[in-house]
């Protein structure tokens, strides 16, 4: 059952703003994941199995070695995963 209330509405709105904003997809993905984690920890949103998997996939896409710059494939994967997260937010 989807979360309701002001906290859920605010979290969904903020996450969608992060996903839609201009900027590098990798940076947006990190910020969206951090905001999602905050919403889950605060109890504003419920972590669905799909969102848990998407965040795990996003973590792999954002994984880097020290000093390695992410781009290309990481950015493409981040955009793809963020779109999927956006579609699932109403179920969280």
Protein backbone atom coordinates (compact mmCIF):
# COMPACT_ATOMS: atom_id res chain seq x y z
CA UNK A 1 0.00 0.00 0.00
CA UNK A 2 1.46 3.39 -1.00
CA UNK A 3 2.49 5.85 1.68
CA UNK A 4 0.26 8.83 2.30
CA UNK A 5 0.59 12.10 4.12
CA UNK A 6 2.55 15.30 3.80
CA UNK A 7 5.93 13.60 4.19
CA UNK A 8 5.20 11.16 1.37
CA UNK A 9 3.96 13.90 -0.93
CA UNK A 10 6.98 16.08 -0.19
CA UNK A 11 9.44 13.20 -0.66
CA UNK A 12 7.94 12.18 -4.00
CA UNK A 13 7.97 15.77 -5.20
CA UNK A 14 11.57 16.37 -4.15
CA UNK A 15 12.79 13.11 -5.67
CA UNK A 16 11.03 13.87 -8.95
CA UNK A 17 12.58 17.35 -8.98
CA UNK A 18 16.02 15.81 -8.55
CA UNK A 19 15.38 13.30 -11.32
CA UNK A 20 14.15 16.02 -13.72
CA UNK A 21 16.76 18.67 -13.02
CA UNK A 22 19.45 19.70 -15.44
CA UNK A 23 22.91 18.47 -14.68
CA UNK A 24 24.95 15.31 -14.86
CA UNK A 25 22.87 12.14 -14.55
CA UNK A 26 25.38 10.58 -12.16
CA UNK A 27 25.14 13.52 -9.74
CA UNK A 28 21.34 13.51 -9.97
CA UNK A 29 21.29 9.76 -9.34
CA UNK A 30 23.41 10.10 -6.20
CA UNK A 31 21.18 12.90 -4.92
CA UNK A 32 17.98 10.98 -5.71
CA UNK A 33 19.29 7.85 -3.96
CA UNK A 34 20.25 9.90 -0.90
CA UNK A 35 16.80 11.53 -0.79
CA UNK A 36 15.10 8.15 -1.18
CA UNK A 37 17.16 6.72 1.68
CA UNK A 38 16.18 9.69 3.84
CA UNK A 39 12.49 9.18 3.00
CA UNK A 40 12.72 5.47 3.86
CA UNK A 41 14.54 6.15 7.13
CA UNK A 42 11.98 8.79 8.14
CA UNK A 43 9.10 6.45 7.29
CA UNK A 44 7.75 8.85 4.67
CA UNK A 45 7.96 6.22 1.93
CA UNK A 46 7.88 2.43 1.98
CA UNK A 47 10.74 0.66 0.22
CA UNK A 48 9.06 -1.60 -2.31
CA UNK A 49 10.95 -4.65 -3.59
CA UNK A 50 11.24 -2.89 -6.96
CA UNK A 51 12.74 0.24 -5.41
CA UNK A 52 15.16 -1.85 -3.36
CA UNK A 53 16.32 -3.57 -6.55
CA UNK A 54 16.51 -0.28 -8.48
CA UNK A 55 18.63 1.30 -5.75
CA UNK A 56 20.91 -1.73 -5.77
CA UNK A 57 21.26 -1.46 -9.54
CA UNK A 58 21.90 2.27 -9.23
CA UNK A 59 24.62 1.60 -6.66
CA UNK A 60 26.39 -0.70 -9.12
CA UNK A 61 26.07 1.90 -11.91
CA UNK A 62 27.59 4.55 -9.63
CA UNK A 63 30.40 2.37 -8.31
CA UNK A 64 33.85 3.77 -9.01
CA UNK A 65 37.44 3.31 -8.05
CA UNK A 66 39.29 6.14 -6.31
CA UNK A 67 39.83 8.98 -8.75
CA UNK A 68 37.78 7.36 -11.52
CA UNK A 69 35.41 9.72 -13.26
CA UNK A 70 32.00 8.32 -14.11
CA UNK A 71 30.41 9.15 -17.42
CA UNK A 72 29.09 7.41 -20.53
CA UNK A 73 27.66 4.07 -19.50
CA UNK A 74 27.20 5.07 -15.86
CA UNK A 75 25.25 8.16 -16.89
CA UNK A 76 23.11 6.18 -19.34
CA UNK A 77 22.38 3.49 -16.75
CA UNK A 78 21.61 6.16 -14.13
CA UNK A 79 19.08 7.88 -16.40
CA UNK A 80 17.40 4.57 -17.20
CA UNK A 81 17.17 3.53 -13.53
CA UNK A 82 15.97 6.99 -12.43
CA UNK A 83 13.10 6.82 -14.94
CA UNK A 84 12.11 3.45 -13.48
CA UNK A 85 12.29 4.85 -9.94
CA UNK A 86 10.10 7.79 -11.00
CA UNK A 87 7.45 5.39 -12.30
CA UNK A 88 7.51 3.38 -9.04
CA UNK A 89 7.37 6.33 -6.62
CA UNK A 90 3.59 6.35 -6.43
CA UNK A 91 3.71 2.78 -5.06
CA UNK A 92 6.24 3.61 -2.31
